């Protein structure tokens, strides 16, 4: 008595398992998504996350470079506006104190 034969019938091609991520693009870097979200809410954090995400994307080959770049641009711009606004407020406060209109 012979052992039963498992597998495809004769004449059919034999395929192995698909390679990992066959036909799928690389995943999107979650830090890049967080960079964009934080750039819109907490700009300095978004700037830092965007820089870190771009470094990580270059190392791992993941997607999301555009999201990280947008986080850097938006986070940097908004952070710059915050710095200028703070400088204007400090100058205005000092001016008010020196002219006698302050407390």
PDB file of N, CA and C in Angstrom:
ATOM      1  N   UNK A   1       0.846  -1.160   0.000  1.00  0.00           N
ATOM      2  CA  UNK A   1       0.000   0.000   0.000  1.00  0.00           C
ATOM      3  C   UNK A   1       0.903   1.237   0.000  1.00  0.00           C
ATOM      4  N   UNK A   2       0.645   2.157  -0.917  1.00  0.00           N
ATOM      5  CA  UNK A   2       1.489   3.344  -1.032  1.00  0.00           C
ATOM      6  C   UNK A   2       0.865   4.518  -0.276  1.00  0.00           C
ATOM      7  N   UNK A   3       1.722   5.466   0.045  1.00  0.00           N
ATOM      8  CA  UNK A   3       1.271   6.669   0.742  1.00  0.00           C
ATOM      9  C   UNK A   3       0.465   7.532  -0.215  1.00  0.00           C
ATOM     10  N   UNK A   4      -0.580   8.234   0.283  1.00  0.00           N
ATOM     11  CA  UNK A   4      -1.325   9.134  -0.610  1.00  0.00           C
ATOM     12  C   UNK A   4      -0.439  10.320  -0.993  1.00  0.00           C
ATOM     13  N   UNK A   5      -0.596  10.784  -2.201  1.00  0.00           N
ATOM     14  CA  UNK A   5       0.188  11.909  -2.711  1.00  0.00           C
ATOM     15  C   UNK A   5      -0.577  13.198  -2.477  1.00  0.00           C
ATOM     16  N   UNK A   6       0.092  14.143  -1.810  1.00  0.00           N
ATOM     17  CA  UNK A   6      -0.520  15.438  -1.580  1.00  0.00           C
ATOM     18  C   UNK A   6       0.139  16.441  -2.507  1.00  0.00           C
ATOM     19  N   UNK A   7      -0.613  17.396  -2.958  1.00  0.00           N
ATOM     20  CA  UNK A   7      -0.078  18.408  -3.847  1.00  0.00           C
ATOM     21  C   UNK A   7      -0.935  18.495  -5.092  1.00  0.00           C
ATOM     22  N   UNK A   8      -0.510  19.309  -6.050  1.00  0.00           N
ATOM     23  CA  UNK A   8      -1.314  19.472  -7.255  1.00  0.00           C
ATOM     24  C   UNK A   8      -1.239  18.230  -8.134  1.00  0.00           C
ATOM     25  N   UNK A   9      -2.280  18.008  -8.902  1.00  0.00           N
ATOM     26  CA  UNK A   9      -2.251  16.874  -9.833  1.00  0.00           C
ATOM     27  C   UNK A   9      -1.145  17.080 -10.865  1.00  0.00           C
ATOM     28  N   UNK A  10      -0.711  16.029 -11.486  1.00  0.00           N
ATOM     29  CA  UNK A  10       0.349  16.159 -12.496  1.00  0.00           C
ATOM     30  C   UNK A  10      -0.066  17.119 -13.608  1.00  0.00           C
ATOM     31  N   UNK A  11       0.881  17.968 -14.051  1.00  0.00           N
ATOM     32  CA  UNK A  11       0.611  18.911 -15.123  1.00  0.00           C
ATOM     33  C   UNK A  11       0.293  20.310 -14.643  1.00  0.00           C
ATOM     34  N   UNK A  12      -0.030  20.470 -13.369  1.00  0.00           N
ATOM     35  CA  UNK A  12      -0.317  21.788 -12.822  1.00  0.00           C
ATOM     36  C   UNK A  12       0.988  22.413 -12.305  1.00  0.00           C
ATOM     37  N   UNK A  13       1.135  23.738 -12.449  1.00  0.00           N
ATOM     38  CA  UNK A  13       2.371  24.369 -11.949  1.00  0.00           C
ATOM     39  C   UNK A  13       2.376  24.391 -10.420  1.00  0.00           C
ATOM     40  N   UNK A  14       3.550  24.327  -9.864  1.00  0.00           N
ATOM     41  CA  UNK A  14       3.705  24.369  -8.419  1.00  0.00           C
ATOM     42  C   UNK A  14       4.234  25.754  -8.049  1.00  0.00           C
ATOM     43  N   UNK A  15       3.476  26.476  -7.244  1.00  0.00           N
ATOM     44  CA  UNK A  15       3.875  27.797  -6.799  1.00  0.00           C
ATOM     45  C   UNK A  15       4.250  27.735  -5.331  1.00  0.00           C
ATOM     46  N   UNK A  16       5.283  28.471  -4.988  1.00  0.00           N
ATOM     47  CA  UNK A  16       5.669  28.577  -3.589  1.00  0.00           C
ATOM     48  C   UNK A  16       4.867  29.672  -2.919  1.00  0.00           C
ATOM     49  N   UNK A  17       5.141  29.889  -1.672  1.00  0.00           N
ATOM     50  CA  UNK A  17       4.438  30.976  -0.978  1.00  0.00           C
ATOM     51  C   UNK A  17       4.865  32.327  -1.557  1.00  0.00           C
ATOM     52  N   UNK A  18       3.973  33.298  -1.518  1.00  0.00           N
ATOM     53  CA  UNK A  18       4.342  34.611  -2.068  1.00  0.00           C
ATOM     54  C   UNK A  18       5.440  35.260  -1.222  1.00  0.00           C
ATOM     55  N   UNK A  19       6.282  36.057  -1.842  1.00  0.00           N
ATOM     56  CA  UNK A  19       7.309  36.750  -1.060  1.00  0.00           C
ATOM     57  C   UNK A  19       6.664  37.758  -0.112  1.00  0.00           C
ATOM     58  N   UNK A  20       7.369  38.128   0.955  1.00  0.00           N
ATOM     59  CA  UNK A  20       6.776  39.096   1.892  1.00  0.00           C
ATOM     60  C   UNK A  20       6.436  40.406   1.190  1.00  0.00           C
ATOM     61  N   UNK A  21       5.275  40.966   1.526  1.00  0.00           N
ATOM     62  CA  UNK A  21       4.777  42.225   0.945  1.00  0.00           C
ATOM     63  C   UNK A  21       4.672  42.158  -0.572  1.00  0.00           C
ATOM     64  N   UNK A  22       4.348  41.004  -1.097  1.00  0.00           N
ATOM     65  CA  UNK A  22       4.238  40.863  -2.553  1.00  0.00           C
ATOM     66  C   UNK A  22       3.086  41.710  -3.067  1.00  0.00           C
ATOM     67  N   UNK A  23       3.387  42.684  -3.914  1.00  0.00           N
ATOM     68  CA  UNK A  23       2.361  43.511  -4.518  1.00  0.00           C
ATOM     69  C   UNK A  23       1.860  44.635  -3.635  1.00  0.00           C
ATOM     70  N   UNK A  24       2.392  44.762  -2.456  1.00  0.00           N
ATOM     71  CA  UNK A  24       1.948  45.814  -1.556  1.00  0.00           C
ATOM     72  C   UNK A  24       3.038  46.871  -1.431  1.00  0.00           C
ATOM     73  N   UNK A  25       2.644  48.139  -1.386  1.00  0.00           N
ATOM     74  CA  UNK A  25       3.667  49.181  -1.181  1.00  0.00           C
ATOM     75  C   UNK A  25       4.161  49.134   0.263  1.00  0.00           C
ATOM     76  N   UNK A  26       5.325  49.714   0.523  1.00  0.00           N
ATOM     77  CA  UNK A  26       5.792  49.742   1.912  1.00  0.00           C
ATOM     78  C   UNK A  26       4.837  50.559   2.780  1.00  0.00           C
ATOM     79  N   UNK A  27       4.760  50.263   4.063  1.00  0.00           N
ATOM     80  CA  UNK A  27       3.814  50.969   4.934  1.00  0.00           C
ATOM     81  C   UNK A  27       4.205  52.436   5.120  1.00  0.00           C
ATOM     82  N   UNK A  28       3.227  53.232   5.512  1.00  0.00           N
ATOM     83  CA  UNK A  28       3.469  54.645   5.797  1.00  0.00           C
ATOM     84  C   UNK A  28       4.021  54.774   7.210  1.00  0.00           C
ATOM     85  N   UNK A  29       5.026  55.599   7.349  1.00  0.00           N
ATOM     86  CA  UNK A  29       5.665  55.812   8.640  1.00  0.00           C
ATOM     87  C   UNK A  29       4.688  56.527   9.573  1.00  0.00           C
ATOM     88  N   UNK A  30       4.364  55.948  10.733  1.00  0.00           N
ATOM     89  CA  UNK A  30       3.410  56.586  11.642  1.00  0.00           C
ATOM     90  C   UNK A  30       3.930  57.908  12.218  1.00  0.00           C
ATOM     91  N   UNK A  31       5.252  58.032  12.341  1.00  0.00           N
ATOM     92  CA  UNK A  31       5.799  59.276  12.871  1.00  0.00           C
ATOM     93  C   UNK A  31       5.573  60.429  11.893  1.00  0.00           C
ATOM     94  N   UNK A  32       5.538  60.129  10.582  1.00  0.00           N
ATOM     95  CA  UNK A  32       5.272  61.165   9.589  1.00  0.00           C
ATOM     96  C   UNK A  32       3.834  61.667   9.707  1.00  0.00           C
ATOM     97  N   UNK A  33       2.912  60.760   9.943  1.00  0.00           N
ATOM     98  CA  UNK A  33       1.511  61.156  10.139  1.00  0.00           C
ATOM     99  C   UNK A  33       1.392  62.008  11.404  1.00  0.00           C
ATOM    100  N   UNK A  34       2.058  61.577  12.477  1.00  0.00           N
ATOM    101  CA  UNK A  34       2.024  62.336  13.732  1.00  0.00           C
ATOM    102  C   UNK A  34       2.657  63.714  13.552  1.00  0.00           C
ATOM    103  N   UNK A  35       3.693  63.800  12.706  1.00  0.00           N
ATOM    104  CA  UNK A  35       4.351  65.089  12.463  1.00  0.00           C
ATOM    105  C   UNK A  35       3.377  66.079  11.835  1.00  0.00           C
ATOM    106  N   UNK A  36       2.613  65.618  10.862  1.00  0.00           N
ATOM    107  CA  UNK A  36       1.663  66.518  10.206  1.00  0.00           C
ATOM    108  C   UNK A  36       0.551  66.935  11.160  1.00  0.00           C
ATOM    109  N   UNK A  37       0.033  66.001  11.928  1.00  0.00           N
ATOM    110  CA  UNK A  37      -1.041  66.326  12.874  1.00  0.00           C
ATOM    111  C   UNK A  37      -0.535  67.304  13.933  1.00  0.00           C
ATOM    112  N   UNK A  38       0.646  67.043  14.464  1.00  0.00           N
ATOM    113  CA  UNK A  38       1.194  67.922  15.501  1.00  0.00           C
ATOM    114  C   UNK A  38       1.582  69.281  14.936  1.00  0.00           C
ATOM    115  N   UNK A  39       1.997  69.326  13.676  1.00  0.00           N
ATOM    116  CA  UNK A  39       2.340  70.618  13.068  1.00  0.00           C
ATOM    117  C   UNK A  39       1.119  71.524  13.000  1.00  0.00           C
ATOM    118  N   UNK A  40      -0.057  70.936  12.885  1.00  0.00           N
ATOM    119  CA  UNK A  40      -1.284  71.728  12.823  1.00  0.00           C
ATOM    120  C   UNK A  40      -1.812  72.095  14.209  1.00  0.00           C
ATOM    121  N   UNK A  41      -1.337  71.402  15.247  1.00  0.00           N
ATOM    122  CA  UNK A  41      -1.841  71.660  16.590  1.00  0.00           C
ATOM    123  C   UNK A  41      -0.749  72.182  17.528  1.00  0.00           C
ATOM    124  N   UNK A  42       0.381  71.495  17.581  1.00  0.00           N
ATOM    125  CA  UNK A  42       1.507  71.869  18.457  1.00  0.00           C
ATOM    126  C   UNK A  42       2.725  71.987  17.545  1.00  0.00           C
ATOM    127  N   UNK A  43       2.900  73.152  16.954  1.00  0.00           N
ATOM    128  CA  UNK A  43       3.856  73.340  15.867  1.00  0.00           C
ATOM    129  C   UNK A  43       5.291  72.918  16.180  1.00  0.00           C
ATOM    130  N   UNK A  44       5.884  73.295  17.302  1.00  0.00           N
ATOM    131  CA  UNK A  44       7.279  72.875  17.535  1.00  0.00           C
ATOM    132  C   UNK A  44       7.445  71.357  17.619  1.00  0.00           C
ATOM    133  N   UNK A  45       6.463  70.668  18.168  1.00  0.00           N
ATOM    134  CA  UNK A  45       6.515  69.213  18.239  1.00  0.00           C
ATOM    135  C   UNK A  45       6.426  68.623  16.829  1.00  0.00           C
ATOM    136  N   UNK A  46       5.562  69.176  15.985  1.00  0.00           N
ATOM    137  CA  UNK A  46       5.445  68.717  14.608  1.00  0.00           C
ATOM    138  C   UNK A  46       6.731  68.907  13.835  1.00  0.00           C
ATOM    139  N   UNK A  47       7.420  70.014  14.090  1.00  0.00           N
ATOM    140  CA  UNK A  47       8.706  70.264  13.440  1.00  0.00           C
ATOM    141  C   UNK A  47       9.717  69.189  13.827  1.00  0.00           C
ATOM    142  N   UNK A  48       9.826  68.909  15.100  1.00  0.00           N
ATOM    143  CA  UNK A  48      10.769  67.883  15.572  1.00  0.00           C
ATOM    144  C   UNK A  48      10.414  66.494  15.071  1.00  0.00           C
ATOM    145  N   UNK A  49       9.137  66.151  15.106  1.00  0.00           N
ATOM    146  CA  UNK A  49       8.711  64.838  14.615  1.00  0.00           C
ATOM    147  C   UNK A  49       8.952  64.693  13.118  1.00  0.00           C
ATOM    148  N   UNK A  50       8.743  65.774  12.371  1.00  0.00           N
ATOM    149  CA  UNK A  50       8.977  65.720  10.930  1.00  0.00           C
ATOM    150  C   UNK A  50      10.430  65.454  10.594  1.00  0.00           C
ATOM    151  N   UNK A  51      11.333  66.096  11.320  1.00  0.00           N
ATOM    152  CA  UNK A  51      12.760  65.865  11.088  1.00  0.00           C
ATOM    153  C   UNK A  51      13.121  64.430  11.434  1.00  0.00           C
ATOM    154  N   UNK A  52      12.640  63.943  12.573  1.00  0.00           N
ATOM    155  CA  UNK A  52      12.933  62.565  12.978  1.00  0.00           C
ATOM    156  C   UNK A  52      12.314  61.556  12.010  1.00  0.00           C
ATOM    157  N   UNK A  53      11.112  61.844  11.522  1.00  0.00           N
ATOM    158  CA  UNK A  53      10.438  60.928  10.604  1.00  0.00           C
ATOM    159  C   UNK A  53      11.188  60.833   9.272  1.00  0.00           C
ATOM    160  N   UNK A  54      11.682  61.954   8.754  1.00  0.00           N
ATOM    161  CA  UNK A  54      12.429  61.901   7.483  1.00  0.00           C
ATOM    162  C   UNK A  54      13.699  61.085   7.629  1.00  0.00           C
ATOM    163  N   UNK A  55      14.380  61.209   8.753  1.00  0.00           N
ATOM    164  CA  UNK A  55      15.578  60.382   8.979  1.00  0.00           C
ATOM    165  C   UNK A  55      15.212  58.908   9.027  1.00  0.00           C
ATOM    166  N   UNK A  56      14.122  58.600   9.715  1.00  0.00           N
ATOM    167  CA  UNK A  56      13.692  57.216   9.838  1.00  0.00           C
ATOM    168  C   UNK A  56      13.246  56.659   8.484  1.00  0.00           C
ATOM    169  N   UNK A  57      12.566  57.458   7.682  1.00  0.00           N
ATOM    170  CA  UNK A  57      12.094  57.011   6.365  1.00  0.00           C
ATOM    171  C   UNK A  57      13.270  56.718   5.451  1.00  0.00           C
ATOM    172  N   UNK A  58      14.301  57.550   5.501  1.00  0.00           N
ATOM    173  CA  UNK A  58      15.491  57.282   4.676  1.00  0.00           C
ATOM    174  C   UNK A  58      16.150  55.981   5.079  1.00  0.00           C
ATOM    175  N   UNK A  59      16.105  55.650   6.355  1.00  0.00           N
ATOM    176  CA  UNK A  59      16.750  54.437   6.838  1.00  0.00           C
ATOM    177  C   UNK A  59      15.916  53.186   6.539  1.00  0.00           C
ATOM    178  N   UNK A  60      14.580  53.271   6.666  1.00  0.00           N
ATOM    179  CA  UNK A  60      13.730  52.089   6.556  1.00  0.00           C
ATOM    180  C   UNK A  60      13.095  51.903   5.187  1.00  0.00           C
ATOM    181  N   UNK A  61      13.015  52.969   4.386  1.00  0.00           N
ATOM    182  CA  UNK A  61      12.381  52.858   3.072  1.00  0.00           C
ATOM    183  C   UNK A  61      10.863  52.912   3.114  1.00  0.00           C
ATOM    184  N   UNK A  62      10.290  53.343   4.214  1.00  0.00           N
ATOM    185  CA  UNK A  62       8.834  53.441   4.305  1.00  0.00           C
ATOM    186  C   UNK A  62       8.333  54.628   3.491  1.00  0.00           C
ATOM    187  N   UNK A  63       7.015  54.681   3.344  1.00  0.00           N
ATOM    188  CA  UNK A  63       6.395  55.829   2.694  1.00  0.00           C
ATOM    189  C   UNK A  63       6.111  56.900   3.731  1.00  0.00           C
ATOM    190  N   UNK A  64       5.735  58.105   3.262  1.00  0.00           N
ATOM    191  CA  UNK A  64       5.364  59.175   4.169  1.00  0.00           C
ATOM    192  C   UNK A  64       6.340  60.329   4.170  1.00  0.00           C
ATOM    193  N   UNK A  65       7.275  60.343   3.208  1.00  0.00           N
ATOM    194  CA  UNK A  65       8.256  61.432   3.168  1.00  0.00           C
ATOM    195  C   UNK A  65       7.570  62.771   2.943  1.00  0.00           C
ATOM    196  N   UNK A  66       6.537  62.802   2.118  1.00  0.00           N
ATOM    197  CA  UNK A  66       5.803  64.044   1.872  1.00  0.00           C
ATOM    198  C   UNK A  66       5.072  64.534   3.111  1.00  0.00           C
ATOM    199  N   UNK A  67       4.515  63.596   3.888  1.00  0.00           N
ATOM    200  CA  UNK A  67       3.846  63.980   5.130  1.00  0.00           C
ATOM    201  C   UNK A  67       4.842  64.574   6.113  1.00  0.00           C
ATOM    202  N   UNK A  68       6.012  63.948   6.204  1.00  0.00           N
ATOM    203  CA  UNK A  68       7.040  64.461   7.114  1.00  0.00           C
ATOM    204  C   UNK A  68       7.523  65.835   6.659  1.00  0.00           C
ATOM    205  N   UNK A  69       7.699  65.998   5.354  1.00  0.00           N
ATOM    206  CA  UNK A  69       8.144  67.292   4.831  1.00  0.00           C
ATOM    207  C   UNK A  69       7.090  68.369   5.093  1.00  0.00           C
ATOM    208  N   UNK A  70       5.826  68.019   4.924  1.00  0.00           N
ATOM    209  CA  UNK A  70       4.748  68.981   5.222  1.00  0.00           C
ATOM    210  C   UNK A  70       4.747  69.341   6.704  1.00  0.00           C
ATOM    211  N   UNK A  71       5.003  68.360   7.573  1.00  0.00           N
ATOM    212  CA  UNK A  71       5.092  68.633   9.003  1.00  0.00           C
ATOM    213  C   UNK A  71       6.233  69.578   9.320  1.00  0.00           C
ATOM    214  N   UNK A  72       7.368  69.416   8.617  1.00  0.00           N
ATOM    215  CA  UNK A  72       8.513  70.304   8.828  1.00  0.00           C
ATOM    216  C   UNK A  72       8.181  71.718   8.364  1.00  0.00           C
ATOM    217  N   UNK A  73       7.605  71.842   7.180  1.00  0.00           N
ATOM    218  CA  UNK A  73       7.312  73.164   6.619  1.00  0.00           C
ATOM    219  C   UNK A  73       6.268  73.896   7.467  1.00  0.00           C
ATOM    220  N   UNK A  74       5.163  73.226   7.760  1.00  0.00           N
ATOM    221  CA  UNK A  74       4.092  73.865   8.526  1.00  0.00           C
ATOM    222  C   UNK A  74       4.556  74.134   9.961  1.00  0.00           C
ATOM    223  N   UNK A  75       5.200  73.141  10.578  1.00  0.00           N
ATOM    224  CA  UNK A  75       5.682  73.318  11.943  1.00  0.00           C
ATOM    225  C   UNK A  75       6.713  74.429  12.047  1.00  0.00           C
ATOM    226  N   UNK A  76       7.624  74.513  11.080  1.00  0.00           N
ATOM    227  CA  UNK A  76       8.633  75.570  11.090  1.00  0.00           C
ATOM    228  C   UNK A  76       8.031  76.941  10.876  1.00  0.00           C
ATOM    229  N   UNK A  77       7.088  77.031   9.955  1.00  0.00           N
ATOM    230  CA  UNK A  77       6.443  78.316   9.675  1.00  0.00           C
ATOM    231  C   UNK A  77       5.651  78.815  10.886  1.00  0.00           C
ATOM    232  N   UNK A  78       4.846  77.937  11.460  1.00  0.00           N
ATOM    233  CA  UNK A  78       4.030  78.341  12.604  1.00  0.00           C
ATOM    234  C   UNK A  78       4.919  78.644  13.816  1.00  0.00           C
ATOM    235  N   UNK A  79       5.974  77.868  14.018  1.00  0.00           N
ATOM    236  CA  UNK A  79       6.897  78.147  15.116  1.00  0.00           C
ATOM    237  C   UNK A  79       7.563  79.501  14.916  1.00  0.00           C
ATOM    238  N   UNK A  80       7.947  79.822  13.683  1.00  0.00           N
ATOM    239  CA  UNK A  80       8.527  81.129  13.385  1.00  0.00           C
ATOM    240  C   UNK A  80       7.554  82.258  13.682  1.00  0.00           C
ATOM    241  N   UNK A  81       6.296  82.059  13.333  1.00  0.00           N
ATOM    242  CA  UNK A  81       5.272  83.077  13.626  1.00  0.00           C
ATOM    243  C   UNK A  81       5.134  83.248  15.141  1.00  0.00           C
ATOM    244  N   UNK A  82       5.151  82.122  15.886  1.00  0.00           N
ATOM    245  CA  UNK A  82       5.081  82.208  17.348  1.00  0.00           C
ATOM    246  C   UNK A  82       6.239  83.027  17.906  1.00  0.00           C
ATOM    247  N   UNK A  83       7.448  82.791  17.400  1.00  0.00           N
ATOM    248  CA  UNK A  83       8.633  83.501  17.899  1.00  0.00           C
ATOM    249  C   UNK A  83       8.524  84.994  17.609  1.00  0.00           C
ATOM    250  N   UNK A  84       8.108  85.347  16.389  1.00  0.00           N
ATOM    251  CA  UNK A  84       7.967  86.760  16.032  1.00  0.00           C
ATOM    252  C   UNK A  84       6.879  87.411  16.887  1.00  0.00           C
ATOM    253  N   UNK A  85       5.769  86.730  17.075  1.00  0.00           N
ATOM    254  CA  UNK A  85       4.681  87.265  17.902  1.00  0.00           C
ATOM    255  C   UNK A  85       5.141  87.467  19.342  1.00  0.00           C
ATOM    256  N   UNK A  86       5.873  86.522  19.876  1.00  0.00           N
ATOM    257  CA  UNK A  86       6.380  86.654  21.235  1.00  0.00           C
ATOM    258  C   UNK A  86       7.352  87.834  21.342  1.00  0.00           C
ATOM    259  N   UNK A  87       8.219  88.006  20.341  1.00  0.00           N
ATOM    260  CA  UNK A  87       9.160  89.129  20.353  1.00  0.00           C
ATOM    261  C   UNK A  87       8.410  90.462  20.307  1.00  0.00           C
ATOM    262  N   UNK A  88       7.379  90.557  19.483  1.00  0.00           N
ATOM    263  CA  UNK A  88       6.592  91.788  19.395  1.00  0.00           C
ATOM    264  C   UNK A  88       5.897  92.073  20.719  1.00  0.00           C
ATOM    265  N   UNK A  89       5.358  91.055  21.358  1.00  0.00           N
ATOM    266  CA  UNK A  89       4.692  91.252  22.649  1.00  0.00           C
ATOM    267  C   UNK A  89       5.679  91.698  23.724  1.00  0.00           C
ATOM    268  N   UNK A  90       6.866  91.124  23.748  1.00  0.00           N
ATOM    269  CA  UNK A  90       7.870  91.520  24.740  1.00  0.00           C
ATOM    270  C   UNK A  90       8.299  92.964  24.503  1.00  0.00           C
ATOM    271  N   UNK A  91       8.534  93.323  23.257  1.00  0.00           N
ATOM    272  CA  UNK A  91       8.932  94.702  22.935  1.00  0.00           C
ATOM    273  C   UNK A  91       7.817  95.680  23.313  1.00  0.00           C
ATOM    274  N   UNK A  92       6.575  95.315  23.026  1.00  0.00           N
ATOM    275  CA  UNK A  92       5.449  96.183  23.372  1.00  0.00           C
ATOM    276  C   UNK A  92       5.330  96.327  24.891  1.00  0.00           C
ATOM    277  N   UNK A  93       5.516  95.251  25.625  1.00  0.00           N
ATOM    278  CA  UNK A  93       5.437  95.308  27.082  1.00  0.00           C
ATOM    279  C   UNK A  93       6.535  96.198  27.654  1.00  0.00           C
ATOM    280  N   UNK A  94       7.758  96.020  27.143  1.00  0.00           N
ATOM    281  CA  UNK A  94       8.876  96.860  27.614  1.00  0.00           C
ATOM    282  C   UNK A  94       8.621  98.324  27.287  1.00  0.00           C
ATOM    283  N   UNK A  95       8.098  98.593  26.110  1.00  0.00           N
ATOM    284  CA  UNK A  95       7.793  99.978  25.719  1.00  0.00           C
ATOM    285  C   UNK A  95       6.737 100.579  26.638  1.00  0.00           C
ATOM    286  N   UNK A  96       5.699  99.819  26.944  1.00  0.00           N
ATOM    287  CA  UNK A  96       4.660 100.312  27.839  1.00  0.00           C
ATOM    288  C   UNK A  96       5.203 100.584  29.244  1.00  0.00           C
ATOM    289  N   UNK A  97       6.081  99.738  29.708  1.00  0.00           N
ATOM    290  CA  UNK A  97       6.651  99.939  31.039  1.00  0.00           C
ATOM    291  C   UNK A  97       7.543 101.184  31.079  1.00  0.00           C
ATOM    292  N   UNK A  98       8.275 101.460  30.000  1.00  0.00           N
ATOM    293  CA  UNK A  98       9.186 102.599  29.968  1.00  0.00           C
ATOM    294  C   UNK A  98       8.481 103.926  29.734  1.00  0.00           C
ATOM    295  N   UNK A  99       7.273 103.899  29.204  1.00  0.00           N
ATOM    296  CA  UNK A  99       6.561 105.148  28.944  1.00  0.00           C
ATOM    297  C   UNK A  99       5.620 105.527  30.091  1.00  0.00           C
ATOM    298  N   UNK A 100       5.492 104.671  31.083  1.00  0.00           N
ATOM    299  CA  UNK A 100       4.672 105.019  32.231  1.00  0.00           C
ATOM    300  C   UNK A 100       3.222 104.576  32.114  1.00  0.00           C
ATOM    301  N   UNK A 101       2.848 103.853  31.062  1.00  0.00           N
ATOM    302  CA  UNK A 101       1.459 103.388  30.924  1.00  0.00           C
ATOM    303  C   UNK A 101       1.241 102.031  31.559  1.00  0.00           C
ATOM    304  N   UNK A 102       2.293 101.388  31.962  1.00  0.00           N
ATOM    305  CA  UNK A 102       2.179 100.042  32.554  1.00  0.00           C
ATOM    306  C   UNK A 102       1.837 100.128  34.021  1.00  0.00           C
ATOM    307  N   UNK A 103       1.809  98.990  34.694  1.00  0.00           N
ATOM    308  CA  UNK A 103       1.455  98.926  36.130  1.00  0.00           C
ATOM    309  C   UNK A 103       2.488  99.578  37.023  1.00  0.00           C
TER     310      UNK A 103
END
